């Protein structure tokens, strides 16, 4: 059984993330989508909330499991038995950063491979950061996030 992991902050989960999730789910027997609890980032949503959001948007994908973790991706992948990590790429800047992480993960988890999936062109400008920047000023984020997630974002910025 081929198990892969797609890890990220997912703060919030975007349509770009969901596109990568759906495409990666077709490539593996099991895809674990894991929200990273990163103490170095000031997240809009708690890791529990991000995990709940991922569960909502992946509920129809039968081979997708949702998890959260803290620490090194290589350690978490080994813990859950994943041999592949999936990364989405929007541009050359993403590639440079992701390639560095690939090299580090390869040193930490010798048997781990990384698969890069190019973003669909309609999601090239979509990121969690851009989504939050538009949402904080009340802009339209319909093209950025799944409809089920939009109310959670709007509620956060009402406070």
N, C-alpha and C. Protein backbone atom coordinates (compact mmCIF):
# COMPACT_ATOMS: atom_id res chain seq x y z
N UNK A 1 0.85 -1.19 0.00
CA UNK A 1 0.00 0.00 0.00
C UNK A 1 0.89 1.24 0.00
N UNK A 2 0.64 2.15 -0.94
CA UNK A 2 1.40 3.39 -1.04
C UNK A 2 0.68 4.48 -0.26
N UNK A 3 1.35 4.97 0.79
CA UNK A 3 0.79 6.04 1.61
C UNK A 3 1.66 7.28 1.45
N UNK A 4 0.99 8.40 1.19
CA UNK A 4 1.69 9.67 1.04
C UNK A 4 1.16 10.66 2.06
N UNK A 5 1.95 11.70 2.29
CA UNK A 5 1.54 12.76 3.20
C UNK A 5 1.64 14.09 2.49
N UNK A 6 0.62 14.90 2.66
CA UNK A 6 0.62 16.28 2.18
C UNK A 6 0.48 17.15 3.41
N UNK A 7 1.57 17.77 3.81
CA UNK A 7 1.60 18.54 5.04
C UNK A 7 1.71 20.03 4.74
N UNK A 8 1.14 20.82 5.62
CA UNK A 8 1.23 22.27 5.47
C UNK A 8 0.56 22.95 6.63
N UNK A 9 0.59 24.27 6.58
CA UNK A 9 -0.09 25.01 7.64
C UNK A 9 -1.60 25.04 7.39
N UNK A 10 -2.02 25.13 6.14
CA UNK A 10 -3.44 25.16 5.79
C UNK A 10 -4.19 26.20 6.63
N UNK A 11 -3.63 27.41 6.69
CA UNK A 11 -4.16 28.47 7.57
C UNK A 11 -4.56 29.70 6.77
N UNK A 12 -5.68 29.67 6.05
CA UNK A 12 -6.68 28.62 5.94
C UNK A 12 -6.40 27.72 4.73
N UNK A 13 -7.16 26.63 4.66
CA UNK A 13 -7.10 25.76 3.50
C UNK A 13 -7.70 26.52 2.32
N UNK A 14 -7.01 26.46 1.18
CA UNK A 14 -7.45 27.20 -0.01
C UNK A 14 -7.91 26.24 -1.11
N UNK A 15 -8.46 26.82 -2.16
CA UNK A 15 -8.84 26.01 -3.32
C UNK A 15 -7.60 25.41 -3.98
N UNK A 16 -6.48 26.09 -3.89
CA UNK A 16 -5.23 25.53 -4.41
C UNK A 16 -4.82 24.29 -3.63
N UNK A 17 -4.91 24.34 -2.30
CA UNK A 17 -4.63 23.16 -1.48
C UNK A 17 -5.57 22.02 -1.85
N UNK A 18 -6.85 22.35 -1.97
CA UNK A 18 -7.84 21.31 -2.26
C UNK A 18 -7.59 20.67 -3.62
N UNK A 19 -7.16 21.46 -4.59
CA UNK A 19 -6.82 20.91 -5.91
C UNK A 19 -5.67 19.91 -5.78
N UNK A 20 -4.63 20.26 -5.05
CA UNK A 20 -3.49 19.36 -4.86
C UNK A 20 -3.94 18.10 -4.12
N UNK A 21 -4.78 18.26 -3.10
CA UNK A 21 -5.29 17.10 -2.34
C UNK A 21 -6.03 16.14 -3.26
N UNK A 22 -6.94 16.66 -4.06
CA UNK A 22 -7.74 15.80 -4.94
C UNK A 22 -6.86 15.08 -5.97
N UNK A 23 -5.91 15.79 -6.54
CA UNK A 23 -5.04 15.18 -7.54
C UNK A 23 -4.10 14.16 -6.92
N UNK A 24 -3.57 14.46 -5.74
CA UNK A 24 -2.66 13.52 -5.07
C UNK A 24 -3.42 12.28 -4.60
N UNK A 25 -4.67 12.45 -4.20
CA UNK A 25 -5.46 11.31 -3.73
C UNK A 25 -5.64 10.27 -4.83
N UNK A 26 -5.61 10.70 -6.08
CA UNK A 26 -5.74 9.77 -7.21
C UNK A 26 -4.46 8.96 -7.42
N UNK A 27 -3.34 9.42 -6.87
CA UNK A 27 -2.05 8.79 -7.11
C UNK A 27 -1.64 7.76 -6.06
N UNK A 28 -2.31 7.79 -4.90
CA UNK A 28 -1.89 6.95 -3.77
C UNK A 28 -3.07 6.20 -3.19
N UNK A 29 -2.76 5.09 -2.54
CA UNK A 29 -3.81 4.32 -1.86
C UNK A 29 -4.39 5.12 -0.70
N UNK A 30 -3.50 5.79 0.04
CA UNK A 30 -3.90 6.63 1.18
C UNK A 30 -3.12 7.93 1.11
N UNK A 31 -3.81 9.04 1.26
CA UNK A 31 -3.17 10.34 1.36
C UNK A 31 -3.52 10.92 2.73
N UNK A 32 -2.51 11.19 3.52
CA UNK A 32 -2.71 11.82 4.83
C UNK A 32 -2.44 13.31 4.65
N UNK A 33 -3.45 14.11 4.90
CA UNK A 33 -3.32 15.56 4.85
C UNK A 33 -3.12 16.01 6.28
N UNK A 34 -1.97 16.61 6.55
CA UNK A 34 -1.59 16.91 7.93
C UNK A 34 -1.33 18.39 8.14
N UNK A 35 -2.04 18.96 9.09
CA UNK A 35 -1.84 20.35 9.48
C UNK A 35 -0.68 20.43 10.47
N UNK A 36 0.28 21.24 10.12
CA UNK A 36 1.48 21.40 10.95
C UNK A 36 1.22 22.42 12.05
N UNK A 37 1.53 22.04 13.26
CA UNK A 37 1.49 22.97 14.38
C UNK A 37 2.89 23.55 14.49
N UNK A 38 3.05 24.77 14.01
CA UNK A 38 4.36 25.42 13.97
C UNK A 38 4.40 26.55 15.00
N UNK A 39 5.15 26.38 16.07
CA UNK A 39 5.19 27.42 17.11
C UNK A 39 5.85 28.71 16.63
N UNK A 40 6.53 28.69 15.48
CA UNK A 40 7.18 29.88 14.94
C UNK A 40 6.25 30.75 14.10
N UNK A 41 5.03 30.27 13.86
CA UNK A 41 4.08 31.04 13.06
C UNK A 41 2.91 31.48 13.94
N UNK A 42 2.41 32.66 13.65
CA UNK A 42 1.25 33.18 14.34
C UNK A 42 0.02 32.84 13.50
N UNK A 43 -0.59 31.72 13.78
CA UNK A 43 -1.68 31.21 12.95
C UNK A 43 -3.00 31.92 13.24
N UNK A 44 -3.80 32.07 12.20
CA UNK A 44 -5.16 32.60 12.35
C UNK A 44 -6.05 31.57 13.04
N UNK A 45 -5.90 30.30 12.63
CA UNK A 45 -6.71 29.22 13.18
C UNK A 45 -5.83 28.29 14.01
N UNK A 46 -6.41 27.72 15.05
CA UNK A 46 -5.69 26.72 15.84
C UNK A 46 -5.48 25.48 14.99
N UNK A 47 -4.58 24.63 15.39
CA UNK A 47 -4.35 23.39 14.65
C UNK A 47 -5.61 22.53 14.66
N UNK A 48 -6.37 22.57 15.74
CA UNK A 48 -7.62 21.80 15.81
C UNK A 48 -8.63 22.33 14.81
N UNK A 49 -8.72 23.65 14.68
CA UNK A 49 -9.64 24.25 13.71
C UNK A 49 -9.21 23.92 12.28
N UNK A 50 -7.92 24.01 12.01
CA UNK A 50 -7.43 23.70 10.66
C UNK A 50 -7.68 22.24 10.31
N UNK A 51 -7.52 21.37 11.29
CA UNK A 51 -7.80 19.95 11.06
C UNK A 51 -9.29 19.76 10.76
N UNK A 52 -10.15 20.44 11.51
CA UNK A 52 -11.60 20.35 11.27
C UNK A 52 -11.93 20.85 9.86
N UNK A 53 -11.33 21.94 9.44
CA UNK A 53 -11.59 22.47 8.10
C UNK A 53 -11.16 21.48 7.03
N UNK A 54 -10.01 20.86 7.23
CA UNK A 54 -9.56 19.85 6.27
C UNK A 54 -10.51 18.66 6.22
N UNK A 55 -11.02 18.26 7.37
CA UNK A 55 -11.99 17.16 7.40
C UNK A 55 -13.25 17.52 6.63
N UNK A 56 -13.69 18.76 6.75
CA UNK A 56 -14.89 19.22 6.04
C UNK A 56 -14.68 19.14 4.52
N UNK A 57 -13.56 19.67 4.04
CA UNK A 57 -13.37 19.77 2.58
C UNK A 57 -12.93 18.45 1.94
N UNK A 58 -12.52 17.48 2.75
CA UNK A 58 -12.09 16.19 2.19
C UNK A 58 -13.06 15.05 2.51
N UNK A 59 -14.19 15.37 3.08
CA UNK A 59 -15.11 14.32 3.55
C UNK A 59 -15.56 13.36 2.45
N UNK A 60 -15.56 13.80 1.21
CA UNK A 60 -15.99 12.93 0.10
C UNK A 60 -14.84 12.15 -0.54
N UNK A 61 -13.64 12.36 -0.06
CA UNK A 61 -12.47 11.67 -0.61
C UNK A 61 -12.15 10.49 0.30
N UNK A 62 -12.55 9.32 -0.12
CA UNK A 62 -12.52 8.12 0.74
C UNK A 62 -11.12 7.68 1.16
N UNK A 63 -10.11 7.98 0.37
CA UNK A 63 -8.76 7.53 0.73
C UNK A 63 -7.91 8.64 1.37
N UNK A 64 -8.58 9.71 1.80
CA UNK A 64 -7.87 10.81 2.45
C UNK A 64 -8.14 10.78 3.94
N UNK A 65 -7.05 10.83 4.70
CA UNK A 65 -7.12 10.92 6.16
C UNK A 65 -6.57 12.27 6.56
N UNK A 66 -7.10 12.83 7.63
CA UNK A 66 -6.65 14.13 8.13
C UNK A 66 -5.98 13.94 9.47
N UNK A 67 -4.86 14.62 9.66
CA UNK A 67 -4.10 14.52 10.90
C UNK A 67 -3.48 15.88 11.20
N UNK A 68 -2.84 15.96 12.33
CA UNK A 68 -2.02 17.12 12.66
C UNK A 68 -0.77 16.61 13.34
N UNK A 69 0.26 17.43 13.30
CA UNK A 69 1.51 17.02 13.92
C UNK A 69 2.33 18.24 14.30
N UNK A 70 3.27 18.00 15.15
CA UNK A 70 4.23 19.01 15.57
C UNK A 70 5.60 18.36 15.48
N UNK A 71 6.55 19.05 14.91
CA UNK A 71 7.88 18.49 14.80
C UNK A 71 8.29 18.32 13.36
N UNK A 72 9.18 17.37 13.14
CA UNK A 72 9.74 17.16 11.80
C UNK A 72 8.82 16.30 10.94
N UNK A 73 8.66 16.71 9.69
CA UNK A 73 7.85 15.96 8.75
C UNK A 73 8.39 14.55 8.56
N UNK A 74 9.71 14.41 8.48
CA UNK A 74 10.31 13.08 8.29
C UNK A 74 9.95 12.14 9.44
N UNK A 75 9.93 12.66 10.65
CA UNK A 75 9.57 11.84 11.81
C UNK A 75 8.10 11.45 11.76
N UNK A 76 7.23 12.42 11.41
CA UNK A 76 5.81 12.13 11.35
C UNK A 76 5.51 11.13 10.23
N UNK A 77 6.15 11.29 9.08
CA UNK A 77 5.94 10.37 7.96
C UNK A 77 6.32 8.95 8.37
N UNK A 78 7.44 8.81 9.04
CA UNK A 78 7.88 7.49 9.50
C UNK A 78 6.87 6.91 10.49
N UNK A 79 6.39 7.75 11.40
CA UNK A 79 5.42 7.32 12.42
C UNK A 79 4.15 6.76 11.80
N UNK A 80 3.68 7.37 10.71
CA UNK A 80 2.42 6.92 10.09
C UNK A 80 2.64 5.97 8.92
N UNK A 81 3.89 5.70 8.58
CA UNK A 81 4.18 4.76 7.51
C UNK A 81 4.04 5.33 6.11
N UNK A 82 4.25 6.65 5.97
CA UNK A 82 4.19 7.28 4.65
C UNK A 82 5.60 7.31 4.05
N UNK A 83 5.70 6.92 2.79
CA UNK A 83 7.00 6.90 2.12
C UNK A 83 7.17 8.04 1.12
N UNK A 84 6.11 8.81 0.90
CA UNK A 84 6.14 9.89 -0.07
C UNK A 84 5.54 11.14 0.55
N UNK A 85 6.15 12.27 0.28
CA UNK A 85 5.55 13.54 0.66
C UNK A 85 5.17 14.28 -0.62
N UNK A 86 4.02 14.90 -0.61
CA UNK A 86 3.50 15.63 -1.76
C UNK A 86 3.64 17.12 -1.47
N UNK A 87 4.11 17.86 -2.46
CA UNK A 87 4.25 19.30 -2.34
C UNK A 87 3.67 19.97 -3.58
N UNK A 88 2.95 21.06 -3.37
CA UNK A 88 2.40 21.83 -4.48
C UNK A 88 3.34 22.97 -4.83
N UNK A 89 3.43 23.26 -6.11
CA UNK A 89 4.30 24.33 -6.60
C UNK A 89 3.50 25.32 -7.44
N UNK A 90 3.59 26.60 -7.10
CA UNK A 90 2.94 27.64 -7.90
C UNK A 90 3.91 28.33 -8.84
N UNK A 91 5.17 28.43 -8.41
CA UNK A 91 6.13 29.22 -9.18
C UNK A 91 7.57 28.83 -8.81
N UNK A 92 8.52 29.54 -9.39
CA UNK A 92 9.94 29.23 -9.15
C UNK A 92 10.34 29.51 -7.71
N UNK A 93 9.73 30.48 -7.08
CA UNK A 93 10.03 30.77 -5.67
C UNK A 93 9.62 29.58 -4.80
N UNK A 94 8.42 29.04 -5.04
CA UNK A 94 7.98 27.83 -4.32
C UNK A 94 8.96 26.69 -4.55
N UNK A 95 9.38 26.52 -5.82
CA UNK A 95 10.28 25.42 -6.13
C UNK A 95 11.58 25.53 -5.35
N UNK A 96 12.16 26.72 -5.29
CA UNK A 96 13.43 26.91 -4.58
C UNK A 96 13.29 26.52 -3.10
N UNK A 97 12.23 26.97 -2.46
CA UNK A 97 12.02 26.65 -1.05
C UNK A 97 11.71 25.16 -0.86
N UNK A 98 10.85 24.63 -1.71
CA UNK A 98 10.45 23.23 -1.57
C UNK A 98 11.61 22.28 -1.88
N UNK A 99 12.46 22.66 -2.81
CA UNK A 99 13.60 21.81 -3.14
C UNK A 99 14.56 21.73 -1.95
N UNK A 100 14.75 22.84 -1.26
CA UNK A 100 15.59 22.83 -0.05
C UNK A 100 15.00 21.89 1.00
N UNK A 101 13.67 21.96 1.18
CA UNK A 101 13.02 21.08 2.15
C UNK A 101 13.12 19.62 1.73
N UNK A 102 13.02 19.37 0.43
CA UNK A 102 13.19 18.02 -0.10
C UNK A 102 14.56 17.47 0.30
N UNK A 103 15.60 18.26 0.12
CA UNK A 103 16.95 17.82 0.45
C UNK A 103 17.10 17.53 1.95
N UNK A 104 16.51 18.38 2.77
CA UNK A 104 16.57 18.18 4.23
C UNK A 104 15.79 16.92 4.61
N UNK A 105 14.58 16.79 4.07
CA UNK A 105 13.77 15.61 4.40
C UNK A 105 14.44 14.32 3.92
N UNK A 106 15.14 14.40 2.81
CA UNK A 106 15.84 13.22 2.28
C UNK A 106 16.97 12.78 3.21
N UNK A 107 17.62 13.77 3.84
CA UNK A 107 18.69 13.45 4.81
C UNK A 107 18.09 12.89 6.09
N UNK A 108 16.95 13.43 6.50
CA UNK A 108 16.32 13.00 7.75
C UNK A 108 15.59 11.66 7.60
N UNK A 109 14.99 11.44 6.45
CA UNK A 109 14.24 10.21 6.18
C UNK A 109 14.73 9.60 4.90
N UNK A 110 15.72 8.78 4.98
CA UNK A 110 16.44 8.27 3.80
C UNK A 110 15.53 7.61 2.76
N UNK A 111 14.45 6.99 3.19
CA UNK A 111 13.57 6.28 2.26
C UNK A 111 12.41 7.15 1.76
N UNK A 112 12.38 8.41 2.15
CA UNK A 112 11.27 9.27 1.77
C UNK A 112 11.51 9.91 0.41
N UNK A 113 10.49 9.86 -0.43
CA UNK A 113 10.52 10.54 -1.72
C UNK A 113 9.58 11.74 -1.66
N UNK A 114 9.81 12.68 -2.56
CA UNK A 114 8.95 13.86 -2.67
C UNK A 114 8.41 13.94 -4.08
N UNK A 115 7.10 14.18 -4.18
CA UNK A 115 6.44 14.37 -5.46
C UNK A 115 5.97 15.83 -5.51
N UNK A 116 6.36 16.54 -6.55
CA UNK A 116 5.93 17.92 -6.73
C UNK A 116 4.78 17.94 -7.74
N UNK A 117 3.68 18.58 -7.36
CA UNK A 117 2.55 18.76 -8.26
C UNK A 117 2.42 20.24 -8.58
N UNK A 118 2.42 20.57 -9.86
CA UNK A 118 2.27 21.96 -10.28
C UNK A 118 0.84 22.42 -10.04
N UNK A 119 0.73 23.64 -9.56
CA UNK A 119 -0.59 24.22 -9.31
C UNK A 119 -1.32 24.45 -10.63
N UNK A 120 -2.63 24.28 -10.57
CA UNK A 120 -3.47 24.63 -11.70
C UNK A 120 -3.36 26.14 -11.91
N UNK A 121 -3.41 26.59 -13.15
CA UNK A 121 -3.21 28.01 -13.43
C UNK A 121 -4.21 28.92 -12.72
N UNK A 122 -5.42 28.44 -12.48
CA UNK A 122 -6.39 29.30 -11.81
C UNK A 122 -6.06 29.53 -10.34
N UNK A 123 -5.12 28.77 -9.79
CA UNK A 123 -4.75 28.92 -8.38
C UNK A 123 -3.35 29.50 -8.18
N UNK A 124 -2.73 29.98 -9.23
CA UNK A 124 -1.34 30.45 -9.13
C UNK A 124 -1.18 31.62 -8.17
N UNK A 125 -2.19 32.46 -8.04
CA UNK A 125 -2.07 33.62 -7.16
C UNK A 125 -2.65 33.37 -5.77
N UNK A 126 -3.16 32.17 -5.55
CA UNK A 126 -3.84 31.87 -4.28
C UNK A 126 -2.86 31.28 -3.27
N UNK A 127 -2.81 31.90 -2.12
CA UNK A 127 -2.04 31.36 -1.00
C UNK A 127 -2.82 31.67 0.27
N UNK A 128 -2.48 30.99 1.34
CA UNK A 128 -3.14 31.29 2.62
C UNK A 128 -2.86 32.73 3.03
N UNK A 129 -1.63 33.17 2.82
CA UNK A 129 -1.27 34.55 3.18
C UNK A 129 -2.09 35.56 2.38
N UNK A 130 -2.19 35.37 1.06
CA UNK A 130 -2.98 36.28 0.23
C UNK A 130 -4.44 36.25 0.63
N UNK A 131 -4.94 35.08 0.96
CA UNK A 131 -6.33 34.95 1.38
C UNK A 131 -6.60 35.79 2.63
N UNK A 132 -5.71 35.68 3.60
CA UNK A 132 -5.88 36.45 4.85
C UNK A 132 -5.76 37.95 4.59
N UNK A 133 -4.87 38.35 3.70
CA UNK A 133 -4.70 39.77 3.40
C UNK A 133 -5.95 40.36 2.75
N UNK A 134 -6.60 39.59 1.87
CA UNK A 134 -7.83 40.06 1.25
C UNK A 134 -8.97 40.04 2.26
N UNK A 135 -9.06 38.98 3.04
CA UNK A 135 -10.17 38.82 4.00
C UNK A 135 -10.15 39.87 5.10
N UNK A 136 -8.98 40.25 5.56
CA UNK A 136 -8.90 41.21 6.66
C UNK A 136 -9.54 42.56 6.28
N UNK A 137 -9.54 42.87 4.97
CA UNK A 137 -10.14 44.11 4.51
C UNK A 137 -11.54 43.90 3.90
N UNK A 138 -12.10 42.71 4.11
CA UNK A 138 -13.45 42.43 3.66
C UNK A 138 -13.58 42.16 2.17
N UNK A 139 -12.47 41.84 1.51
CA UNK A 139 -12.52 41.56 0.08
C UNK A 139 -13.13 40.21 -0.24
N UNK A 140 -13.45 40.01 -1.50
CA UNK A 140 -14.07 38.78 -1.97
C UNK A 140 -13.02 37.65 -2.02
N UNK A 141 -13.24 36.59 -1.25
CA UNK A 141 -12.32 35.45 -1.24
C UNK A 141 -12.95 34.20 -1.84
N UNK A 142 -14.05 34.38 -2.56
CA UNK A 142 -14.75 33.23 -3.15
C UNK A 142 -13.85 32.41 -4.07
N UNK A 143 -12.95 33.06 -4.79
CA UNK A 143 -12.07 32.35 -5.73
C UNK A 143 -10.83 31.77 -5.04
N UNK A 144 -10.74 31.98 -3.73
CA UNK A 144 -9.55 31.55 -2.99
C UNK A 144 -9.79 30.35 -2.08
N UNK A 145 -10.98 30.22 -1.53
CA UNK A 145 -11.23 29.18 -0.53
C UNK A 145 -12.48 28.38 -0.87
N UNK A 146 -12.53 27.13 -0.40
CA UNK A 146 -13.76 26.36 -0.57
C UNK A 146 -14.91 27.08 0.13
N UNK A 147 -16.12 27.00 -0.43
CA UNK A 147 -17.25 27.73 0.16
C UNK A 147 -17.52 27.36 1.62
N UNK A 148 -17.22 26.12 1.99
CA UNK A 148 -17.47 25.70 3.38
C UNK A 148 -16.53 26.38 4.37
N UNK A 149 -15.40 26.89 3.89
CA UNK A 149 -14.39 27.49 4.76
C UNK A 149 -14.58 29.00 4.91
N UNK A 150 -15.17 29.62 3.93
CA UNK A 150 -15.35 31.08 3.94
C UNK A 150 -15.99 31.60 5.23
N UNK A 151 -17.07 31.00 5.74
CA UNK A 151 -17.68 31.53 6.97
C UNK A 151 -16.73 31.53 8.17
N UNK A 152 -15.85 30.54 8.25
CA UNK A 152 -14.90 30.49 9.37
C UNK A 152 -13.94 31.67 9.31
N UNK A 153 -13.51 32.02 8.10
CA UNK A 153 -12.57 33.12 7.91
C UNK A 153 -13.27 34.45 8.24
N UNK A 154 -14.46 34.63 7.71
CA UNK A 154 -15.21 35.86 7.97
C UNK A 154 -15.43 36.03 9.48
N UNK A 155 -15.79 34.97 10.14
CA UNK A 155 -16.02 35.04 11.60
C UNK A 155 -14.77 35.44 12.36
N UNK A 156 -13.62 34.92 11.95
CA UNK A 156 -12.35 35.27 12.62
C UNK A 156 -12.07 36.76 12.52
N UNK A 157 -12.37 37.35 11.36
CA UNK A 157 -12.05 38.75 11.16
C UNK A 157 -13.13 39.69 11.70
N UNK A 158 -14.26 39.16 12.13
CA UNK A 158 -15.27 39.99 12.81
C UNK A 158 -14.82 40.34 14.21
N UNK A 159 -13.98 39.50 14.78
CA UNK A 159 -13.58 39.68 16.19
C UNK A 159 -12.55 40.77 16.36
